[in-house]
Protein backbone atom coordinates (compact mmCIF):
# COMPACT_ATOMS: atom_id res chain seq x y z
CA MET A 1 -122.02 -19.31 19.83
CA LYS A 2 -125.04 -17.53 20.63
CA LEU A 3 -125.54 -16.92 24.44
CA ASN A 4 -128.56 -18.03 26.24
CA LYS A 5 -130.26 -14.77 27.22
CA ALA A 6 -132.66 -16.50 29.78
CA MET A 7 -129.77 -17.85 31.64
CA LEU A 8 -127.93 -14.59 31.63
CA SER A 9 -131.15 -13.14 33.19
CA THR A 10 -131.33 -15.90 35.75
CA ASN A 11 -127.50 -15.06 36.74
CA PHE A 12 -128.35 -11.51 36.87
CA PHE A 13 -130.97 -11.80 39.54
CA ALA A 14 -128.94 -14.78 41.13
CA GLY A 15 -126.04 -12.51 41.90
CA ASP A 16 -128.01 -10.85 44.84
CA VAL A 17 -130.06 -13.80 45.73
CA VAL A 18 -127.15 -16.26 46.27
CA GLY A 19 -125.16 -14.03 48.39
CA GLY A 20 -128.23 -12.69 50.01
CA ILE A 21 -127.89 -10.47 53.00
CA GLY A 22 -124.69 -12.00 54.22
CA PRO A 23 -122.35 -8.80 54.29
CA TYR A 24 -125.34 -6.77 55.40
CA LEU A 25 -126.57 -9.39 57.96
CA ALA A 26 -123.13 -8.90 60.16
CA ILE A 27 -123.81 -5.01 60.06
CA TYR A 28 -127.48 -5.43 60.97
CA LEU A 29 -126.61 -7.58 63.88
CA LEU A 30 -123.99 -5.67 65.07
CA THR A 31 -125.34 -1.98 64.87
CA GLY A 32 -128.91 -2.49 64.49
CA LEU A 33 -129.55 -5.48 67.11
CA HIS A 34 -126.44 -5.28 69.20
CA TRP A 35 -125.23 -8.66 68.85
CA SER A 36 -121.55 -9.77 70.05
CA PRO A 37 -119.23 -10.74 67.27
CA GLY A 38 -119.04 -14.33 68.68
CA ASN A 39 -122.84 -14.45 68.13
CA ILE A 40 -122.74 -12.79 64.71
CA GLY A 41 -119.95 -15.48 63.77
CA LEU A 42 -122.58 -18.34 64.54
CA ALA A 43 -125.22 -16.70 62.75
CA LEU A 44 -123.18 -16.37 59.56
CA ALA A 45 -121.55 -20.10 60.03
CA ILE A 46 -124.92 -21.75 60.56
CA GLY A 47 -126.25 -21.38 57.12
CA SER A 48 -122.73 -22.19 55.64
CA LEU A 49 -122.88 -25.36 57.74
CA THR A 50 -126.17 -26.08 56.54
CA THR A 51 -125.08 -25.85 52.94
CA VAL A 52 -121.95 -28.01 53.58
CA ALA A 53 -124.21 -30.90 54.88
CA LEU A 54 -126.27 -30.76 51.88
CA GLN A 55 -124.00 -29.68 49.01
CA THR A 56 -122.57 -33.01 47.89
CA PRO A 57 -125.94 -34.99 47.88
CA ALA A 58 -127.53 -31.88 46.31
CA GLY A 59 -124.83 -32.31 43.46
CA ALA A 60 -125.75 -36.13 43.21
CA PHE A 61 -129.30 -35.18 42.99
CA ILE A 62 -128.92 -32.52 40.17
CA ASP A 63 -127.07 -35.12 38.20
CA SER A 64 -130.15 -37.51 38.15
CA THR A 65 -133.14 -34.99 38.17
CA ARG A 66 -134.61 -33.60 34.84
CA SER A 67 -136.60 -30.89 36.93
CA LYS A 68 -133.79 -28.67 37.32
CA ARG A 69 -135.64 -25.50 36.36
CA LEU A 70 -138.25 -26.04 38.90
CA LEU A 71 -135.76 -27.01 41.55
CA LEU A 72 -133.92 -23.70 40.89
CA ALA A 73 -136.94 -21.66 40.92
CA SER A 74 -138.11 -22.96 44.15
CA CYS A 75 -134.67 -22.15 45.89
CA ALA A 76 -134.82 -18.76 44.94
CA LEU A 77 -138.23 -18.20 46.34
CA LEU A 78 -137.23 -19.98 49.58
CA ILE A 79 -134.13 -17.65 49.80
CA GLY A 80 -136.54 -14.59 49.41
CA CYS A 81 -138.96 -15.63 52.10
CA ALA A 82 -136.19 -16.49 54.54
CA THR A 83 -134.53 -12.93 54.08
CA ILE A 84 -138.07 -11.43 54.67
CA SER A 85 -138.57 -13.62 57.66
CA ILE A 86 -135.41 -12.13 59.31
CA LEU A 87 -136.51 -8.86 58.92
CA LEU A 88 -140.12 -9.35 60.39
CA PHE A 89 -139.14 -11.35 63.36
CA SER A 90 -135.79 -9.90 64.13
CA GLN A 91 -136.66 -9.64 67.81
CA TYR A 92 -136.39 -13.51 67.99
CA PRO A 93 -133.00 -14.76 67.52
CA VAL A 94 -134.36 -18.34 66.75
CA VAL A 95 -136.06 -17.27 63.74
CA ILE A 96 -132.78 -15.74 62.40
CA TYR A 97 -131.09 -18.84 63.00
CA ILE A 98 -133.86 -20.89 61.11
CA ALA A 99 -133.78 -18.58 58.31
CA GLN A 100 -130.22 -18.79 57.88
CA ILE A 101 -130.52 -22.69 57.74
CA PHE A 102 -133.29 -22.36 55.24
CA MET A 103 -131.04 -20.25 53.09
CA GLY A 104 -128.39 -22.58 53.73
CA VAL A 105 -130.45 -25.56 52.18
CA ALA A 106 -131.56 -23.51 49.15
CA VAL A 107 -127.96 -22.13 48.41
CA ALA A 108 -126.77 -25.77 48.34
CA PHE A 109 -128.70 -26.57 45.30
CA VAL A 110 -128.80 -23.03 43.43
CA GLY A 111 -124.97 -22.94 42.27
CA PRO A 112 -124.60 -26.38 40.93
CA CYS A 113 -128.10 -26.33 39.19
CA ILE A 114 -127.15 -23.19 37.29
CA ALA A 115 -123.89 -24.52 36.19
CA ALA A 116 -125.67 -28.00 35.24
CA ILE A 117 -128.36 -26.28 33.26
CA THR A 118 -125.57 -24.25 31.43
CA LEU A 119 -123.55 -27.29 30.71
CA GLY A 120 -126.77 -29.08 29.47
CA ILE A 121 -127.57 -26.06 27.15
CA SER A 122 -124.07 -25.20 25.90
CA GLY A 123 -122.26 -28.59 25.78
CA PRO A 124 -118.66 -28.92 26.90
CA GLU A 125 -117.26 -27.27 23.78
CA HIS A 126 -119.21 -23.79 24.55
CA PHE A 127 -119.15 -24.03 28.44
CA THR A 128 -116.46 -21.70 28.85
CA VAL A 129 -117.92 -18.82 26.79
CA GLN A 130 -121.50 -19.29 28.31
CA MET A 131 -120.10 -19.59 31.89
CA GLY A 132 -118.06 -16.59 31.59
CA ALA A 133 -121.28 -14.67 30.47
CA ASN A 134 -123.23 -16.02 33.02
CA GLN A 135 -120.70 -14.95 35.77
CA ALA A 136 -120.27 -11.45 34.30
CA ALA A 137 -124.20 -11.24 34.30
CA ASN A 138 -124.12 -12.29 37.96
CA HIS A 139 -121.67 -9.68 38.87
CA SER A 140 -123.61 -6.97 37.11
CA GLY A 141 -126.62 -7.94 39.19
CA ASN A 142 -124.67 -7.57 42.47
CA VAL A 143 -123.51 -4.16 41.30
CA PHE A 144 -127.16 -3.34 40.66
CA ALA A 145 -128.40 -4.47 43.68
CA ALA A 146 -125.57 -2.99 46.02
CA ILE A 147 -125.91 0.35 44.30
CA LEU A 148 -129.77 0.30 45.05
CA GLY A 149 -129.39 -1.24 48.32
CA ALA A 150 -126.96 1.63 49.21
CA GLY A 151 -129.48 4.04 48.08
CA LEU A 152 -132.25 2.50 50.25
CA ALA A 153 -129.99 2.31 53.29
CA LEU A 154 -129.06 6.13 53.13
CA TRP A 155 -132.26 7.75 52.13
CA ILE A 156 -135.01 5.28 53.08
CA SER A 157 -134.19 2.62 55.39
CA ALA A 158 -131.66 -0.02 56.12
CA GLU A 159 -134.34 -2.82 56.10
CA GLY A 160 -134.74 -1.81 52.07
CA VAL A 161 -131.92 -4.45 51.56
CA PHE A 162 -133.93 -7.20 52.81
CA TRP A 163 -136.87 -6.32 50.36
CA LEU A 164 -134.66 -5.89 47.75
CA VAL A 165 -133.15 -9.55 48.08
CA ALA A 166 -136.97 -10.89 48.06
CA ILE A 167 -137.68 -8.83 44.77
CA MET A 168 -134.40 -10.28 43.01
CA ALA A 169 -135.58 -13.84 44.07
CA VAL A 170 -138.82 -13.44 42.28
CA GLY A 171 -136.97 -12.17 39.15
CA MET A 172 -134.86 -15.20 39.21
CA ALA A 173 -137.50 -17.40 39.52
CA ILE A 174 -139.35 -15.81 36.62
CA SER A 175 -136.27 -15.91 34.38
CA ILE A 176 -135.38 -19.60 35.02
CA GLY A 177 -138.66 -20.23 33.79
CA MET A 178 -138.16 -18.79 30.52
CA VAL A 179 -135.38 -21.29 29.87
CA SER A 180 -136.66 -23.85 27.39
CA GLY A 181 -136.81 -27.10 29.02
CA SER A 182 -136.26 -28.74 25.75
CA ALA A 183 -132.87 -26.92 25.38
CA ILE A 184 -131.37 -28.76 28.31
CA ASN A 185 -129.44 -32.04 27.48
CA HIS A 186 -129.50 -33.77 30.90
CA ASN A 187 -126.87 -36.20 30.08
CA ALA A 188 -124.56 -33.29 28.93
CA ALA A 189 -125.67 -31.40 32.04
CA ARG A 190 -124.03 -34.22 34.22
CA GLY A 191 -120.62 -34.38 32.31
CA GLY A 192 -121.44 -37.43 30.34
CA LEU A 193 -119.49 -39.05 27.55
CA HIS A 194 -121.89 -37.89 24.92
CA HIS A 195 -123.61 -34.54 24.64
CA ASN A 196 -126.14 -35.49 21.77
CA PRO A 197 -128.58 -38.19 23.27
CA ASN A 198 -130.23 -37.57 26.66
CA ASP A 199 -130.00 -41.35 27.69
CA GLY A 200 -126.13 -41.64 27.49
CA ASP A 201 -123.73 -43.86 29.40
CA GLU A 202 -124.17 -44.45 32.82
CA PRO A 203 -121.98 -42.07 35.41
CA SER A 204 -118.62 -43.23 36.76
CA THR A 205 -118.47 -44.78 40.29
CA ILE A 206 -118.00 -42.22 43.08
CA GLY A 207 -114.80 -44.37 43.98
CA THR A 208 -113.35 -43.54 40.74
CA ILE A 209 -114.03 -39.80 40.99
CA ALA A 210 -112.47 -39.81 44.47
CA ALA A 211 -109.27 -41.52 43.53
CA ASP A 212 -108.10 -38.69 41.36
CA LYS A 213 -105.43 -37.01 43.30
CA ARG A 214 -106.06 -33.91 41.42
CA LEU A 215 -109.40 -33.51 42.62
CA LEU A 216 -108.32 -34.22 46.25
CA THR A 217 -105.74 -31.41 45.84
CA LEU A 218 -108.26 -28.98 44.54
CA VAL A 219 -110.74 -29.62 47.39
CA LEU A 220 -107.73 -28.85 49.84
CA CYS A 221 -106.80 -25.63 47.92
CA VAL A 222 -110.41 -24.35 47.63
CA PHE A 223 -110.95 -24.86 51.33
CA MET A 224 -107.81 -22.64 52.03
CA PHE A 225 -108.95 -19.94 49.43
CA HIS A 226 -112.40 -19.60 51.30
CA PHE A 227 -110.80 -20.09 54.82
CA ALA A 228 -108.81 -16.89 53.99
CA ASN A 229 -111.26 -14.95 52.02
CA ALA A 230 -114.80 -15.40 53.31
CA ALA A 231 -114.47 -13.40 56.54
CA MET A 232 -112.59 -10.39 55.01
CA LEU A 233 -115.56 -8.34 53.51
CA PRO A 234 -117.84 -9.00 56.69
CA LEU A 235 -114.88 -7.74 58.75
CA VAL A 236 -114.19 -4.68 56.84
CA GLY A 237 -117.87 -3.70 56.96
CA GLN A 238 -117.79 -4.09 60.76
CA LYS A 239 -114.55 -2.01 61.05
CA LEU A 240 -116.25 0.70 58.73
CA SER A 241 -119.28 0.92 60.75
CA VAL A 242 -118.18 0.36 64.37
CA ASN A 243 -118.51 4.10 65.08
CA SER A 244 -121.39 4.81 62.87
CA ASN A 245 -125.24 3.69 62.63
CA VAL A 246 -126.64 0.75 60.69
CA ASN A 247 -127.56 2.79 57.74
CA ILE A 248 -123.96 4.20 57.22
CA GLY A 249 -122.47 0.78 57.82
CA ILE A 250 -124.72 -0.94 55.18
CA ALA A 251 -123.95 1.93 52.80
CA PHE A 252 -120.37 1.21 53.35
CA ALA A 253 -120.78 -2.50 52.75
CA ALA A 254 -122.74 -1.81 49.45
CA ALA A 255 -120.02 0.37 48.16
CA CYS A 256 -117.42 -2.47 48.84
CA ILE A 257 -119.79 -4.73 47.17
CA VAL A 258 -119.82 -2.38 44.11
CA VAL A 259 -116.20 -1.95 43.85
CA ALA A 260 -115.65 -5.76 43.84
CA GLN A 261 -118.47 -6.90 41.63
CA PHE A 262 -117.22 -4.45 39.01
CA TRP A 263 -113.83 -6.10 38.81
CA MET A 264 -115.53 -9.53 38.89
CA THR A 265 -117.59 -8.72 35.88
CA ILE A 266 -114.21 -7.75 34.15
CA MET A 267 -112.33 -10.65 35.40
CA SER A 268 -115.22 -13.13 34.36
CA ILE A 269 -115.23 -11.79 30.83
CA LEU A 270 -111.09 -12.12 30.74
CA CYS A 271 -111.57 -15.59 32.03
CA ALA A 272 -114.13 -16.51 29.35
CA ALA A 273 -111.87 -15.14 26.68
CA ARG A 274 -108.49 -16.45 27.92
CA ALA A 275 -108.88 -19.41 30.19
CA ASP A 276 -109.05 -21.92 27.07
CA MET A 277 -105.68 -20.29 25.88
CA TRP A 278 -103.60 -19.29 29.20
CA GLY A 279 -104.78 -22.29 31.14
CA ARG A 280 -106.59 -22.61 34.38
CA LYS A 281 -103.53 -22.69 36.63
CA PRO A 282 -101.94 -19.06 36.30
CA LEU A 283 -105.50 -17.56 36.54
CA PHE A 284 -106.05 -19.29 39.90
CA LEU A 285 -102.71 -18.50 41.26
CA LEU A 286 -103.30 -14.85 40.59
CA ALA A 287 -106.60 -15.11 42.48
CA PHE A 288 -104.77 -16.97 45.33
CA PHE A 289 -101.83 -14.51 45.59
CA ILE A 290 -103.93 -11.42 45.66
CA LEU A 291 -105.76 -12.43 48.98
CA PRO A 292 -102.83 -11.90 51.42
CA ILE A 293 -102.12 -8.52 50.01
CA ARG A 294 -105.60 -7.53 50.54
CA GLY A 295 -105.56 -8.76 54.01
CA MET A 296 -102.58 -6.88 54.95
CA LEU A 297 -103.91 -3.75 53.33
CA PHE A 298 -107.22 -4.11 55.32
CA MET A 299 -105.03 -4.34 58.50
CA TRP A 300 -103.01 -1.22 57.75
CA LEU A 301 -105.62 1.24 56.18
CA GLU A 302 -108.28 3.07 58.50
CA ASP A 303 -109.56 5.40 55.79
CA PRO A 304 -113.02 4.26 54.37
CA VAL A 305 -112.16 5.27 50.88
CA ALA A 306 -109.03 3.43 51.03
CA LEU A 307 -110.76 0.33 52.52
CA ILE A 308 -113.42 0.22 49.88
CA SER A 309 -110.76 0.74 47.04
CA VAL A 310 -109.03 -2.32 48.22
CA GLN A 311 -112.05 -4.25 47.58
CA SER A 312 -110.86 -4.02 43.84
CA LEU A 313 -108.71 -6.89 44.72
CA ASP A 314 -111.41 -9.07 46.23
CA GLY A 315 -113.21 -8.47 42.85
CA ILE A 316 -110.21 -9.91 40.78
CA ALA A 317 -109.72 -12.87 43.03
CA ASN A 318 -113.25 -13.81 43.25
CA GLY A 319 -114.00 -13.06 39.55
CA ILE A 320 -111.40 -15.46 38.65
CA PHE A 321 -112.41 -18.07 41.16
CA GLY A 322 -116.23 -18.15 40.09
CA VAL A 323 -115.35 -19.28 36.49
CA ILE A 324 -112.12 -21.01 36.83
CA ILE A 325 -113.39 -23.48 39.70
CA LEU A 326 -116.21 -24.37 37.56
CA LEU A 327 -114.00 -25.06 34.40
CA ILE A 328 -111.43 -26.99 36.56
CA ALA A 329 -114.44 -29.15 37.92
CA ALA A 330 -115.64 -29.61 34.08
CA ASP A 331 -112.01 -30.45 32.92
CA LEU A 332 -111.66 -33.35 35.85
CA THR A 333 -115.12 -34.66 35.15
CA ARG A 334 -115.29 -34.87 31.62
CA GLY A 335 -116.70 -38.12 30.44
CA THR A 336 -117.52 -39.34 33.73
CA GLY A 337 -121.16 -38.01 34.49
CA ARG A 338 -120.33 -36.68 37.87
CA PHE A 339 -119.76 -32.86 37.12
CA ASN A 340 -122.76 -32.11 39.54
CA LEU A 341 -121.40 -34.32 42.23
CA VAL A 342 -118.20 -33.00 42.04
CA GLN A 343 -119.09 -29.40 41.84
CA GLY A 344 -121.28 -29.95 44.89
CA ALA A 345 -118.60 -31.53 46.81
CA LEU A 346 -116.28 -28.30 45.76
CA ALA A 347 -119.17 -26.09 46.94
CA ALA A 348 -119.42 -28.07 50.34
CA VAL A 349 -115.85 -27.24 50.88
CA VAL A 350 -116.49 -23.40 50.02
CA GLY A 351 -119.20 -23.75 52.78
CA ILE A 352 -116.64 -25.24 55.28
CA GLY A 353 -113.87 -22.88 54.48
CA SER A 354 -116.21 -19.68 54.51
CA ALA A 355 -117.90 -21.08 58.02
CA ALA A 356 -114.52 -21.87 59.65
CA SER A 357 -113.41 -18.32 58.21
CA ASN A 358 -116.14 -16.29 59.97
CA LEU A 359 -115.77 -18.28 63.10
CA LEU A 360 -112.28 -17.92 63.40
CA ALA A 361 -112.12 -14.30 62.48
CA GLU A 362 -115.09 -13.07 64.69
CA GLU A 363 -113.47 -14.84 67.57
CA ILE A 364 -109.92 -13.35 67.06
CA VAL A 365 -111.83 -9.83 66.73
CA GLN A 366 -113.76 -10.37 69.92
CA PHE A 367 -110.39 -11.03 71.77
CA PHE A 368 -107.71 -9.44 70.08
CA GLY A 369 -109.21 -6.91 67.42
CA TYR A 370 -109.38 -6.40 63.99
CA SER A 371 -105.53 -6.27 62.85
CA PRO A 372 -104.73 -9.80 64.08
CA ALA A 373 -107.70 -11.25 62.40
CA PHE A 374 -106.57 -9.69 58.93
CA ILE A 375 -102.99 -11.09 59.56
CA THR A 376 -104.44 -14.40 60.32
CA LEU A 377 -106.43 -14.19 57.12
CA ALA A 378 -103.38 -13.10 55.10
CA ILE A 379 -101.21 -15.70 56.14
CA LEU A 380 -103.90 -18.66 55.51
CA ALA A 381 -104.10 -17.24 51.91
CA PHE A 382 -100.42 -17.21 51.22
CA ILE A 383 -100.28 -21.03 52.73
CA GLY A 384 -103.15 -22.06 50.22
CA GLY A 385 -101.51 -20.16 47.05
CA THR A 386 -98.20 -21.98 47.82
CA MET A 387 -99.97 -25.24 47.91
CA TYR A 388 -101.52 -24.68 44.82
CA LEU A 389 -98.50 -23.60 42.99
CA PHE A 390 -96.51 -26.77 44.11
CA LEU A 391 -99.09 -29.41 44.32
CA MET A 392 -101.83 -28.92 41.42
CA PRO A 393 -101.17 -29.42 37.97
CA GLU A 394 -102.71 -27.86 34.91
CA THR A 395 -105.95 -29.35 33.99
CA LEU A 396 -106.76 -27.70 30.71
CA PRO A 397 -107.52 -30.56 27.97
CA ALA A 398 -104.72 -30.70 25.73
CA GLN A 399 -107.38 -31.08 22.65
CA LEU A 400 -111.22 -31.10 22.61
CA ASP A 401 -113.19 -33.24 20.49
CA GLU A 402 -116.21 -31.05 19.52
CA ASP A 403 -117.80 -34.01 17.61
CA ASP A 404 -118.32 -36.60 20.12
CA GLY A 405 -117.47 -34.97 23.57
CA ALA A 406 -114.95 -37.93 24.04
CA ALA A 407 -112.57 -37.34 27.14
CA PRO A 408 -109.53 -35.43 26.03
CA GLN A 409 -106.06 -36.25 26.98
CA GLN A 410 -105.05 -34.02 30.08
CA THR A 411 -101.88 -32.09 30.35
CA GLY A 412 -99.92 -32.04 33.80
């Protein structure tokens, strides 16, 4: 299969745009604006909660719209504008909260829209390869942006990372404009029964999708994954910067991101090459049980170099998650026409888990310190991994009919 280069470029720029200034914002608010941990947790959570509110209807809208490229470009530019507004009006807390809300709105559409366009271009039979390549490009973009951001923070200004996100947003909007609209099969983009005609069968009812016990189990496990994982990077960034200035703190956070994103790139390539052979479950279990190890190491270690090195585990876990969760969603919705609705619902669960993680962790830090917060996150990760091990079956189709895209038999 020939990879779509415009989609790879879009994902390269999206790596920094979708993540935005989340890890940097916590450090900027703590050491630059002297916010309390509790208020930082609220600022980080408000965007996630906005995303949660819109994620599922966003997926349903993407299932129906044919203006996917315009929608994606608009969301990229909205994130860039919101990022700059935080920098220009940092003396007004309400502006920061409003900017987080706007970013939350845009993020609700970006991930599902990229996946939908990818599925519409590649079809289900080539989705694993293109999505794996997309994720590798995404993580490469994050590495590039993090290295550049660290240089900006150390040698120019910590505010440079805000401008960098805005520039990457413009690059993402230009890249998605280079994707040929005629190359997108909108029925295939929603996981329809047939991937040749654009006017295929009507999608299944939402009730039919919700009745799938595998999907309900997956929703719960995805929540636990991000409940345990989302706060770890912001916490380690704060831990590294607590006795330093904002520039050093941002540089440390950037170093953590570079290490993690390098491994995410490797794992994305691995998942693209092996997920259809090994299955989804072994890979996702590996990602899950890495999290408690990472949490315990963050608790014990104090040396900055050691803490940054531990971020390799984050890269392995999230690199697997970024690819596998979309493959599982495609497995469970193949032939239903509800791929974007389901991935939107899963992304909403990611937002709920992330918001809960940041709120809980920052409150624990404020009253008990960093070590109890990392222990709590490690325990949550172990519980979630155990749930996935015993409750979630393998979803890899037993066979794939590449001629008509008919729904395959399922294992497990």
